[in-house]
Amino acid sequence: VITGSVQPERRADLRAEVSSVVLQVLKENGESVK
């Protein structure tokens, strides 16, 4: 028997590389991006 979860092979956690204030977030959860 095998148990676990379904996960994407391609996934990215995008993090801040500079210290700054967030001006704008252009995409919401569930939106498709290119």
PDB file of all heavy atoms in Angstrom:
ATOM      1  N   VAL A   1       0.848  -1.194   0.000  1.00  0.00           N
ATOM      2  CA  VAL A   1       0.000   0.000   0.000  1.00  0.00           C
ATOM      3  C   VAL A   1       0.885   1.246   0.000  1.00  0.00           C
ATOM      4  O   VAL A   1       1.920   1.285   0.675  1.00  0.00           O
ATOM      5  CB  VAL A   1      -0.936  -0.004   1.220  1.00  0.00           C
ATOM      6  CG1 VAL A   1      -1.723   1.294   1.310  1.00  0.00           C
ATOM      7  CG2 VAL A   1      -1.885  -1.193   1.153  1.00  0.00           C
ATOM      8  N   ILE A   2       0.484   2.243  -0.768  1.00  0.00           N
ATOM      9  CA  ILE A   2       1.229   3.497  -0.828  1.00  0.00           C
ATOM     10  C   ILE A   2       0.280   4.640  -0.500  1.00  0.00           C
ATOM     11  O   ILE A   2      -0.837   4.707  -1.008  1.00  0.00           O
ATOM     12  CB  ILE A   2       1.876   3.701  -2.224  1.00  0.00           C
ATOM     13  CG1 ILE A   2       2.622   5.035  -2.281  1.00  0.00           C
ATOM     14  CG2 ILE A   2       0.849   3.589  -3.341  1.00  0.00           C
ATOM     15  CD1 ILE A   2       3.444   5.222  -3.538  1.00  0.00           C
ATOM     16  N   THR A   3       0.692   5.518   0.396  1.00  0.00           N
ATOM     17  CA  THR A   3      -0.100   6.682   0.794  1.00  0.00           C
ATOM     18  C   THR A   3       0.761   7.928   0.694  1.00  0.00           C
ATOM     19  O   THR A   3       1.979   7.877   0.882  1.00  0.00           O
ATOM     20  CB  THR A   3      -0.620   6.539   2.232  1.00  0.00           C
ATOM     21  OG1 THR A   3       0.499   6.394   3.126  1.00  0.00           O
ATOM     22  CG2 THR A   3      -1.518   5.315   2.371  1.00  0.00           C
ATOM     23  N   GLY A   4       0.130   9.039   0.407  1.00  0.00           N
ATOM     24  CA  GLY A   4       0.879  10.285   0.276  1.00  0.00           C
ATOM     25  C   GLY A   4      -0.013  11.388  -0.256  1.00  0.00           C
ATOM     26  O   GLY A   4      -1.210  11.448   0.058  1.00  0.00           O
ATOM     27  N   SER A   5       0.545  12.245  -1.070  1.00  0.00           N
ATOM     28  CA  SER A   5      -0.197  13.380  -1.614  1.00  0.00           C
ATOM     29  C   SER A   5       0.246  13.656  -3.036  1.00  0.00           C
ATOM     30  O   SER A   5       1.322  13.248  -3.464  1.00  0.00           O
ATOM     31  CB  SER A   5       0.014  14.630  -0.749  1.00  0.00           C
ATOM     32  OG  SER A   5       1.387  14.995  -0.736  1.00  0.00           O
ATOM     33  N   VAL A   6      -0.616  14.363  -3.755  1.00  0.00           N
ATOM     34  CA  VAL A   6      -0.333  14.761  -5.134  1.00  0.00           C
ATOM     35  C   VAL A   6       0.353  16.128  -5.107  1.00  0.00           C
ATOM     36  O   VAL A   6      -0.196  17.092  -4.550  1.00  0.00           O
ATOM     37  CB  VAL A   6      -1.629  14.811  -5.962  1.00  0.00           C
ATOM     38  CG1 VAL A   6      -1.344  15.321  -7.367  1.00  0.00           C
ATOM     39  CG2 VAL A   6      -2.275  13.433  -6.014  1.00  0.00           C
ATOM     40  N   GLN A   7       1.540  16.204  -5.676  1.00  0.00           N
ATOM     41  CA  GLN A   7       2.324  17.435  -5.667  1.00  0.00           C
ATOM     42  C   GLN A   7       2.860  17.716  -7.072  1.00  0.00           C
ATOM     43  O   GLN A   7       3.115  16.785  -7.836  1.00  0.00           O
ATOM     44  CB  GLN A   7       3.503  17.331  -4.691  1.00  0.00           C
ATOM     45  CG  GLN A   7       3.113  17.125  -3.242  1.00  0.00           C
ATOM     46  CD  GLN A   7       2.452  18.332  -2.621  1.00  0.00           C
ATOM     47  OE1 GLN A   7       2.493  19.429  -3.188  1.00  0.00           O
ATOM     48  NE2 GLN A   7       1.843  18.147  -1.463  1.00  0.00           N
ATOM     49  N   PRO A   8       3.037  19.005  -7.425  1.00  0.00           N
ATOM     50  CA  PRO A   8       3.610  19.326  -8.740  1.00  0.00           C
ATOM     51  C   PRO A   8       5.118  19.119  -8.748  1.00  0.00           C
ATOM     52  O   PRO A   8       5.806  19.412  -7.754  1.00  0.00           O
ATOM     53  CB  PRO A   8       3.247  20.800  -8.929  1.00  0.00           C
ATOM     54  CG  PRO A   8       3.166  21.333  -7.529  1.00  0.00           C
ATOM     55  CD  PRO A   8       2.644  20.206  -6.682  1.00  0.00           C
ATOM     56  N   GLU A   9       5.622  18.617  -9.852  1.00  0.00           N
ATOM     57  CA  GLU A   9       7.070  18.448  -9.985  1.00  0.00           C
ATOM     58  C   GLU A   9       7.754  19.797 -10.179  1.00  0.00           C
ATOM     59  O   GLU A   9       8.848  20.025  -9.674  1.00  0.00           O
ATOM     60  CB  GLU A   9       7.372  17.520 -11.154  1.00  0.00           C
ATOM     61  CG  GLU A   9       8.836  17.214 -11.336  1.00  0.00           C
ATOM     62  CD  GLU A   9       9.099  16.214 -12.440  1.00  0.00           C
ATOM     63  OE1 GLU A   9       8.124  15.735 -13.058  1.00  0.00           O
ATOM     64  OE2 GLU A   9      10.280  15.897 -12.682  1.00  0.00           O
ATOM     65  N   ARG A  10       7.096  20.701 -10.905  1.00  0.00           N
ATOM     66  CA  ARG A  10       7.639  22.043 -11.127  1.00  0.00           C
ATOM     67  C   ARG A  10       6.900  23.015 -10.214  1.00  0.00           C
ATOM     68  O   ARG A  10       5.712  23.283 -10.393  1.00  0.00           O
ATOM     69  CB  ARG A  10       7.480  22.463 -12.586  1.00  0.00           C
ATOM     70  CG  ARG A  10       8.169  21.553 -13.581  1.00  0.00           C
ATOM     71  CD  ARG A  10       8.010  22.080 -14.989  1.00  0.00           C
ATOM     72  NE  ARG A  10       8.711  23.346 -15.174  1.00  0.00           N
ATOM     73  CZ  ARG A  10       8.528  24.144 -16.217  1.00  0.00           C
ATOM     74  NH1 ARG A  10       7.645  23.808 -17.154  1.00  0.00           N
ATOM     75  NH2 ARG A  10       9.211  25.265 -16.344  1.00  0.00           N
ATOM     76  N   ARG A  11       7.611  23.530  -9.225  1.00  0.00           N
ATOM     77  CA  ARG A  11       7.048  24.496  -8.296  1.00  0.00           C
ATOM     78  C   ARG A  11       8.151  25.442  -7.852  1.00  0.00           C
ATOM     79  O   ARG A  11       9.306  25.038  -7.733  1.00  0.00           O
ATOM     80  CB  ARG A  11       6.424  23.797  -7.090  1.00  0.00           C
ATOM     81  CG  ARG A  11       7.355  22.802  -6.416  1.00  0.00           C
ATOM     82  CD  ARG A  11       6.614  21.949  -5.420  1.00  0.00           C
ATOM     83  NE  ARG A  11       7.455  20.862  -4.929  1.00  0.00           N
ATOM     84  CZ  ARG A  11       7.009  19.843  -4.226  1.00  0.00           C
ATOM     85  NH1 ARG A  11       5.728  19.775  -3.914  1.00  0.00           N
ATOM     86  NH2 ARG A  11       7.830  18.891  -3.819  1.00  0.00           N
ATOM     87  N   ALA A  12       7.794  26.680  -7.614  1.00  0.00           N
ATOM     88  CA  ALA A  12       8.795  27.690  -7.252  1.00  0.00           C
ATOM     89  C   ALA A  12       8.250  28.574  -6.147  1.00  0.00           C
ATOM     90  O   ALA A  12       7.120  29.077  -6.241  1.00  0.00           O
ATOM     91  CB  ALA A  12       9.173  28.532  -8.473  1.00  0.00           C
ATOM     92  N   ASP A  13       9.043  28.731  -5.088  1.00  0.00           N
ATOM     93  CA  ASP A  13       8.728  29.675  -4.020  1.00  0.00           C
ATOM     94  C   ASP A  13       9.542  30.933  -4.280  1.00  0.00           C
ATOM     95  O   ASP A  13      10.762  30.965  -4.031  1.00  0.00           O
ATOM     96  CB  ASP A  13       9.080  29.086  -2.651  1.00  0.00           C
ATOM     97  CG  ASP A  13       8.254  27.846  -2.338  1.00  0.00           C
ATOM     98  OD1 ASP A  13       7.196  27.681  -2.974  1.00  0.00           O
ATOM     99  OD2 ASP A  13       8.662  27.059  -1.476  1.00  0.00           O
ATOM    100  N   LEU A  14       8.899  31.959  -4.790  1.00  0.00           N
ATOM    101  CA  LEU A  14       9.595  33.195  -5.148  1.00  0.00           C
ATOM    102  C   LEU A  14       9.750  34.063  -3.904  1.00  0.00           C
ATOM    103  O   LEU A  14       8.762  34.406  -3.237  1.00  0.00           O
ATOM    104  CB  LEU A  14       8.818  33.936  -6.237  1.00  0.00           C
ATOM    105  CG  LEU A  14       8.549  33.123  -7.516  1.00  0.00           C
ATOM    106  CD1 LEU A  14       7.809  33.970  -8.536  1.00  0.00           C
ATOM    107  CD2 LEU A  14       9.858  32.602  -8.104  1.00  0.00           C
ATOM    108  N   ARG A  15      11.002  34.442  -3.595  1.00  0.00           N
ATOM    109  CA  ARG A  15      11.311  35.219  -2.393  1.00  0.00           C
ATOM    110  C   ARG A  15      11.964  36.542  -2.774  1.00  0.00           C
ATOM    111  O   ARG A  15      12.522  36.697  -3.866  1.00  0.00           O
ATOM    112  CB  ARG A  15      12.233  34.414  -1.471  1.00  0.00           C
ATOM    113  CG  ARG A  15      11.627  33.086  -1.025  1.00  0.00           C
ATOM    114  CD  ARG A  15      12.594  32.273  -0.197  1.00  0.00           C
ATOM    115  NE  ARG A  15      12.020  30.993   0.193  1.00  0.00           N
ATOM    116  CZ  ARG A  15      11.297  30.801   1.278  1.00  0.00           C
ATOM    117  NH1 ARG A  15      11.074  31.826   2.100  1.00  0.00           N
ATOM    118  NH2 ARG A  15      10.792  29.616   1.567  1.00  0.00           N
ATOM    119  N   ALA A  16      11.890  37.477  -1.837  1.00  0.00           N
ATOM    120  CA  ALA A  16      12.483  38.800  -2.060  1.00  0.00           C
ATOM    121  C   ALA A  16      14.004  38.704  -2.024  1.00  0.00           C
ATOM    122  O   ALA A  16      14.569  38.081  -1.126  1.00  0.00           O
ATOM    123  CB  ALA A  16      11.983  39.776  -1.009  1.00  0.00           C
ATOM    124  N   GLU A  17      14.673  39.316  -3.005  1.00  0.00           N
ATOM    125  CA  GLU A  17      16.137  39.336  -3.060  1.00  0.00           C
ATOM    126  C   GLU A  17      16.702  40.679  -2.635  1.00  0.00           C
ATOM    127  O   GLU A  17      17.922  40.840  -2.553  1.00  0.00           O
ATOM    128  CB  GLU A  17      16.607  39.003  -4.477  1.00  0.00           C
ATOM    129  CG  GLU A  17      16.203  37.605  -4.925  1.00  0.00           C
ATOM    130  CD  GLU A  17      16.729  37.276  -6.308  1.00  0.00           C
ATOM    131  OE1 GLU A  17      17.931  36.995  -6.420  1.00  0.00           O
ATOM    132  OE2 GLU A  17      15.928  37.320  -7.264  1.00  0.00           O
ATOM    133  N   VAL A  18      15.797  41.654  -2.414  1.00  0.00           N
ATOM    134  CA  VAL A  18      16.206  42.970  -1.908  1.00  0.00           C
ATOM    135  C   VAL A  18      15.235  43.374  -0.806  1.00  0.00           C
ATOM    136  O   VAL A  18      14.096  42.920  -0.764  1.00  0.00           O
ATOM    137  CB  VAL A  18      16.212  44.036  -3.024  1.00  0.00           C
ATOM    138  CG1 VAL A  18      17.252  43.726  -4.082  1.00  0.00           C
ATOM    139  CG2 VAL A  18      14.833  44.167  -3.655  1.00  0.00           C
ATOM    140  N   SER A  19      15.691  44.204   0.105  1.00  0.00           N
ATOM    141  CA  SER A  19      14.831  44.721   1.168  1.00  0.00           C
ATOM    142  C   SER A  19      14.127  45.971   0.648  1.00  0.00           C
ATOM    143  O   SER A  19      14.786  46.975   0.349  1.00  0.00           O
ATOM    144  CB  SER A  19      15.650  45.047   2.419  1.00  0.00           C
ATOM    145  OG  SER A  19      16.229  43.880   2.953  1.00  0.00           O
ATOM    146  N   SER A  20      12.806  45.875   0.562  1.00  0.00           N
ATOM    147  CA  SER A  20      12.055  46.991   0.008  1.00  0.00           C
ATOM    148  C   SER A  20      10.586  46.847   0.382  1.00  0.00           C
ATOM    149  O   SER A  20      10.179  45.848   0.978  1.00  0.00           O
ATOM    150  CB  SER A  20      12.232  47.057  -1.511  1.00  0.00           C
ATOM    151  OG  SER A  20      11.612  48.214  -2.017  1.00  0.00           O
ATOM    152  N   VAL A  21       9.805  47.830   0.012  1.00  0.00           N
ATOM    153  CA  VAL A  21       8.359  47.843   0.274  1.00  0.00           C
ATOM    154  C   VAL A  21       7.625  47.352  -0.968  1.00  0.00           C
ATOM    155  O   VAL A  21       7.992  47.703  -2.092  1.00  0.00           O
ATOM    156  CB  VAL A  21       7.890  49.263   0.648  1.00  0.00           C
ATOM    157  CG1 VAL A  21       6.369  49.299   0.847  1.00  0.00           C
ATOM    158  CG2 VAL A  21       8.593  49.741   1.909  1.00  0.00           C
ATOM    159  N   VAL A  22       6.616  46.521  -0.756  1.00  0.00           N
ATOM    160  CA  VAL A  22       5.826  45.993  -1.862  1.00  0.00           C
ATOM    161  C   VAL A  22       4.917  47.099  -2.392  1.00  0.00           C
ATOM    162  O   VAL A  22       4.109  47.664  -1.658  1.00  0.00           O
ATOM    163  CB  VAL A  22       4.974  44.790  -1.407  1.00  0.00           C
ATOM    164  CG1 VAL A  22       4.119  44.273  -2.567  1.00  0.00           C
ATOM    165  CG2 VAL A  22       5.866  43.673  -0.870  1.00  0.00           C
ATOM    166  N   LEU A  23       5.074  47.408  -3.663  1.00  0.00           N
ATOM    167  CA  LEU A  23       4.239  48.436  -4.283  1.00  0.00           C
ATOM    168  C   LEU A  23       2.976  47.848  -4.919  1.00  0.00           C
ATOM    169  O   LEU A  23       1.899  48.440  -4.824  1.00  0.00           O
ATOM    170  CB  LEU A  23       5.033  49.184  -5.359  1.00  0.00           C
ATOM    171  CG  LEU A  23       6.164  50.083  -4.890  1.00  0.00           C
ATOM    172  CD1 LEU A  23       6.805  50.776  -6.093  1.00  0.00           C
ATOM    173  CD2 LEU A  23       5.642  51.119  -3.894  1.00  0.00           C
ATOM    174  N   GLN A  24       3.102  46.692  -5.527  1.00  0.00           N
ATOM    175  CA  GLN A  24       1.985  46.155  -6.301  1.00  0.00           C
ATOM    176  C   GLN A  24       2.100  44.644  -6.417  1.00  0.00           C
ATOM    177  O   GLN A  24       3.204  44.114  -6.604  1.00  0.00           O
ATOM    178  CB  GLN A  24       1.965  46.790  -7.703  1.00  0.00           C
ATOM    179  CG  GLN A  24       0.718  46.536  -8.504  1.00  0.00           C
ATOM    180  CD  GLN A  24       0.762  47.252  -9.854  1.00  0.00           C
ATOM    181  OE1 GLN A  24       1.817  47.783 -10.243  1.00  0.00           O
ATOM    182  NE2 GLN A  24      -0.363  47.285 -10.534  1.00  0.00           N
ATOM    183  N   VAL A  25       0.963  43.954  -6.255  1.00  0.00           N
ATOM    184  CA  VAL A  25       0.860  42.517  -6.509  1.00  0.00           C
ATOM    185  C   VAL A  25      -0.119  42.348  -7.660  1.00  0.00           C
ATOM    186  O   VAL A  25      -1.294  42.670  -7.541  1.00  0.00           O
ATOM    187  CB  VAL A  25       0.372  41.738  -5.263  1.00  0.00           C
ATOM    188  CG1 VAL A  25       0.299  40.254  -5.573  1.00  0.00           C
ATOM    189  CG2 VAL A  25       1.300  41.981  -4.078  1.00  0.00           C
ATOM    190  N   LEU A  26       0.374  41.837  -8.786  1.00  0.00           N
ATOM    191  CA  LEU A  26      -0.428  41.849 -10.008  1.00  0.00           C
ATOM    192  C   LEU A  26      -1.233  40.575 -10.234  1.00  0.00           C
ATOM    193  O   LEU A  26      -2.088  40.548 -11.127  1.00  0.00           O
ATOM    194  CB  LEU A  26       0.477  42.092 -11.229  1.00  0.00           C
ATOM    195  CG  LEU A  26       1.059  43.502 -11.336  1.00  0.00           C
ATOM    196  CD1 LEU A  26       2.354  43.627 -10.590  1.00  0.00           C
ATOM    197  CD2 LEU A  26       1.232  43.910 -12.798  1.00  0.00           C
ATOM    198  N   LYS A  27      -0.972  39.498  -9.494  1.00  0.00           N
ATOM    199  CA  LYS A  27      -1.686  38.240  -9.714  1.00  0.00           C
ATOM    200  C   LYS A  27      -2.269  37.737  -8.399  1.00  0.00           C
ATOM    201  O   LYS A  27      -1.700  37.933  -7.333  1.00  0.00           O
ATOM    202  CB  LYS A  27      -0.753  37.179 -10.314  1.00  0.00           C
ATOM    203  CG  LYS A  27      -0.180  37.535 -11.692  1.00  0.00           C
ATOM    204  CD  LYS A  27      -1.255  37.568 -12.755  1.00  0.00           C
ATOM    205  CE  LYS A  27      -0.647  37.865 -14.125  1.00  0.00           C
ATOM    206  NZ  LYS A  27      -1.668  37.879 -15.195  1.00  0.00           N
ATOM    207  N   GLU A  28      -3.423  37.077  -8.524  1.00  0.00           N
ATOM    208  CA  GLU A  28      -4.092  36.499  -7.363  1.00  0.00           C
ATOM    209  C   GLU A  28      -3.999  34.972  -7.414  1.00  0.00           C
ATOM    210  O   GLU A  28      -3.619  34.393  -8.439  1.00  0.00           O
ATOM    211  CB  GLU A  28      -5.565  36.926  -7.324  1.00  0.00           C
ATOM    212  CG  GLU A  28      -5.773  38.418  -7.130  1.00  0.00           C
ATOM    213  CD  GLU A  28      -5.377  38.881  -5.737  1.00  0.00           C
ATOM    214  OE1 GLU A  28      -5.342  38.041  -4.817  1.00  0.00           O
ATOM    215  OE2 GLU A  28      -5.089  40.077  -5.570  1.00  0.00           O
ATOM    216  N   ASN A  29      -4.372  34.335  -6.315  1.00  0.00           N
ATOM    217  CA  ASN A  29      -4.351  32.879  -6.249  1.00  0.00           C
ATOM    218  C   ASN A  29      -5.258  32.277  -7.322  1.00  0.00           C
ATOM    219  O   ASN A  29      -6.391  32.719  -7.509  1.00  0.00           O
ATOM    220  CB  ASN A  29      -4.832  32.399  -4.875  1.00  0.00           C
ATOM    221  CG  ASN A  29      -3.834  32.715  -3.781  1.00  0.00           C
ATOM    222  OD1 ASN A  29      -2.673  32.989  -4.057  1.00  0.00           O
ATOM    223  ND2 ASN A  29      -4.272  32.665  -2.539  1.00  0.00           N
ATOM    224  N   GLY A  30      -4.738  31.265  -8.005  1.00  0.00           N
ATOM    225  CA  GLY A  30      -5.506  30.577  -9.032  1.00  0.00           C
ATOM    226  C   GLY A  30      -5.381  31.152 -10.426  1.00  0.00           C
ATOM    227  O   GLY A  30      -5.841  30.545 -11.391  1.00  0.00           O
ATOM    228  N   GLU A  31      -4.749  32.320 -10.557  1.00  0.00           N
ATOM    229  CA  GLU A  31      -4.601  32.929 -11.885  1.00  0.00           C
ATOM    230  C   GLU A  31      -3.463  32.265 -12.647  1.00  0.00           C
ATOM    231  O   GLU A  31      -2.410  31.950 -12.086  1.00  0.00           O
ATOM    232  CB  GLU A  31      -4.349  34.429 -11.763  1.00  0.00           C
ATOM    233  CG  GLU A  31      -5.554  35.227 -11.306  1.00  0.00           C
ATOM    234  CD  GLU A  31      -5.332  36.717 -11.471  1.00  0.00           C
ATOM    235  OE1 GLU A  31      -4.742  37.129 -12.491  1.00  0.00           O
ATOM    236  OE2 GLU A  31      -5.737  37.475 -10.567  1.00  0.00           O
ATOM    237  N   SER A  32      -3.689  32.099 -13.932  1.00  0.00           N
ATOM    238  CA  SER A  32      -2.663  31.522 -14.800  1.00  0.00           C
ATOM    239  C   SER A  32      -1.628  32.586 -15.162  1.00  0.00           C
ATOM    240  O   SER A  32      -1.967  33.766 -15.340  1.00  0.00           O
ATOM    241  CB  SER A  32      -3.302  30.950 -16.072  1.00  0.00           C
ATOM    242  OG  SER A  32      -4.214  29.930 -15.759  1.00  0.00           O
ATOM    243  N   VAL A  33      -0.394  32.173 -15.280  1.00  0.00           N
ATOM    244  CA  VAL A  33       0.693  33.082 -15.643  1.00  0.00           C
ATOM    245  C   VAL A  33       1.548  32.419 -16.715  1.00  0.00           C
ATOM    246  O   VAL A  33       1.596  31.194 -16.823  1.00  0.00           O
ATOM    247  CB  VAL A  33       1.563  33.451 -14.428  1.00  0.00           C
ATOM    248  CG1 VAL A  33       0.757  34.202 -13.392  1.00  0.00           C
ATOM    249  CG2 VAL A  33       2.190  32.205 -13.807  1.00  0.00           C
ATOM    250  N   LYS A  34       2.214  33.250 -17.490  1.00  0.00           N
ATOM    251  CA  LYS A  34       3.157  32.771 -18.485  1.00  0.00           C
ATOM    252  C   LYS A  34       4.569  33.117 -18.041  1.00  0.00           C
ATOM    253  O   LYS A  34       4.774  34.014 -17.217  1.00  0.00           O
ATOM    254  CB  LYS A  34       2.859  33.397 -19.855  1.00  0.00           C
ATOM    255  CG  LYS A  34       1.528  32.964 -20.451  1.00  0.00           C
ATOM    256  CD  LYS A  34       1.327  33.574 -21.817  1.00  0.00           C
ATOM    257  CE  LYS A  34       0.008  33.123 -22.438  1.00  0.00           C
ATOM    258  NZ  LYS A  34      -0.206  33.714 -23.774  1.00  0.00           N
TER     259      LYS A  34
END
